[in-house]
Amino acid sequence: QGARGIMPGGNTLSRQKLEDLGLVMEAMPAEVKGKVQSRDKYQIRQIFAETERGQFARDWMQEFALGMPTLHRLRRAAAQSGMEQTGREWRARFGT
């Protein structure tokens, strides 16, 4: 059944995105295409498969019901990253 009850079109949406990804990959220059590892392609396909099965929606609904502990943890970790610290310094220095 997949995500039929959650997204209009059900499985069609994720299949289309996977097909679009394939078209983008085909259109990439060889030097860029070579840098996209097979591991990355596998992970992208896994994400689409989880979405198609409805697993992502179930996990998100459970995360929401529990008060979003994983999301908050990831946001706290990201706020402490070197990139975010640099961003805070730049925003303070340059007024944005």
Protein backbone atom coordinates (compact mmCIF):
# COMPACT_ATOMS: atom_id res chain seq x y z
CA GLN A 1 0.00 0.00 0.00
CA GLY A 2 2.90 2.37 0.61
CA ALA A 3 2.13 6.01 1.24
CA ARG A 4 -1.20 6.06 -0.61
CA GLY A 5 -3.12 7.41 2.37
CA ILE A 6 -0.55 10.12 3.02
CA MET A 7 0.41 11.56 -0.36
CA PRO A 8 -1.84 11.93 -3.39
CA GLY A 9 -0.76 9.43 -6.00
CA GLY A 10 0.83 7.10 -3.47
CA ASN A 11 3.80 5.22 -4.89
CA THR A 12 3.78 7.24 -8.11
CA LEU A 13 5.43 10.22 -6.42
CA SER A 14 8.52 8.39 -5.19
CA ARG A 15 8.89 6.39 -8.42
CA GLN A 16 8.78 9.62 -10.41
CA LYS A 17 11.42 11.19 -8.17
CA LEU A 18 13.64 8.15 -8.61
CA GLU A 19 13.20 8.36 -12.38
CA ASP A 20 13.99 12.09 -12.25
CA LEU A 21 17.13 11.32 -10.28
CA GLY A 22 18.17 8.87 -12.98
CA LEU A 23 17.68 11.54 -15.66
CA VAL A 24 19.73 14.03 -13.66
CA MET A 25 22.49 11.46 -13.21
CA GLU A 26 22.52 10.75 -16.96
CA ALA A 27 22.79 14.46 -17.76
CA MET A 28 25.76 15.02 -15.44
CA PRO A 29 29.19 15.58 -16.94
CA ALA A 30 31.44 12.53 -16.60
CA GLU A 31 33.73 14.19 -14.05
CA VAL A 32 30.77 14.95 -11.77
CA LYS A 33 29.09 11.61 -12.36
CA GLY A 34 32.28 9.84 -11.30
CA LYS A 35 32.20 11.61 -7.93
CA VAL A 36 28.71 10.35 -7.08
CA GLN A 37 29.56 7.12 -5.35
CA SER A 38 27.47 3.98 -5.73
CA ARG A 39 27.00 4.18 -1.94
CA ASP A 40 25.28 7.55 -2.40
CA LYS A 41 23.01 6.15 -5.12
CA TYR A 42 22.14 3.23 -2.84
CA GLN A 43 21.28 5.57 0.03
CA ILE A 44 19.08 7.71 -2.22
CA ARG A 45 17.25 4.62 -3.45
CA GLN A 46 16.81 3.47 0.17
CA ILE A 47 15.24 6.81 1.11
CA PHE A 48 12.80 6.56 -1.80
CA ALA A 49 11.98 2.96 -0.84
CA GLU A 50 11.24 4.02 2.76
CA THR A 51 9.00 6.79 1.47
CA GLU A 52 7.22 4.43 -0.90
CA ARG A 53 6.52 1.92 1.90
CA GLY A 54 5.17 4.69 4.13
CA GLN A 55 7.98 4.11 6.63
CA PHE A 56 9.11 7.74 6.59
CA ALA A 57 5.59 8.97 7.35
CA ARG A 58 5.14 6.46 10.19
CA ASP A 59 8.53 7.38 11.68
CA TRP A 60 7.78 11.10 11.39
CA MET A 61 4.37 10.70 13.04
CA GLN A 62 5.96 8.75 15.90
CA GLU A 63 8.70 11.37 16.25
CA PHE A 64 6.04 14.10 16.40
CA ALA A 65 3.99 12.17 18.99
CA LEU A 66 7.08 11.81 21.21
CA GLY A 67 7.81 15.55 21.14
CA MET A 68 10.42 15.40 18.35
CA PRO A 69 13.43 14.34 20.47
CA THR A 70 15.56 13.29 17.48
CA LEU A 71 14.86 16.51 15.60
CA HIS A 72 15.74 18.63 18.65
CA ARG A 73 18.93 16.62 19.24
CA LEU A 74 20.01 17.08 15.63
CA ARG A 75 19.25 20.80 15.76
CA ARG A 76 21.31 21.20 18.95
CA ALA A 77 24.21 19.34 17.36
CA ALA A 78 23.97 21.46 14.21
CA ALA A 79 23.93 24.67 16.27
CA GLN A 80 27.29 23.66 17.75
CA SER A 81 28.90 22.85 14.41
CA GLY A 82 31.87 24.85 13.20
CA MET A 83 29.89 26.07 10.22
CA GLU A 84 27.11 27.48 12.39
CA GLN A 85 29.59 29.08 14.79
CA THR A 86 31.29 30.78 11.85
CA GLY A 87 27.88 31.88 10.56
CA ARG A 88 27.03 33.47 13.92
CA GLU A 89 30.33 35.36 13.88
CA TRP A 90 29.76 36.60 10.33
CA ARG A 91 26.16 37.64 11.04
CA ALA A 92 27.30 39.54 14.15
CA ARG A 93 30.19 41.17 12.32
CA PHE A 94 28.39 42.09 9.11
CA GLY A 95 24.92 42.75 10.49
CA THR A 96 22.87 40.18 8.64
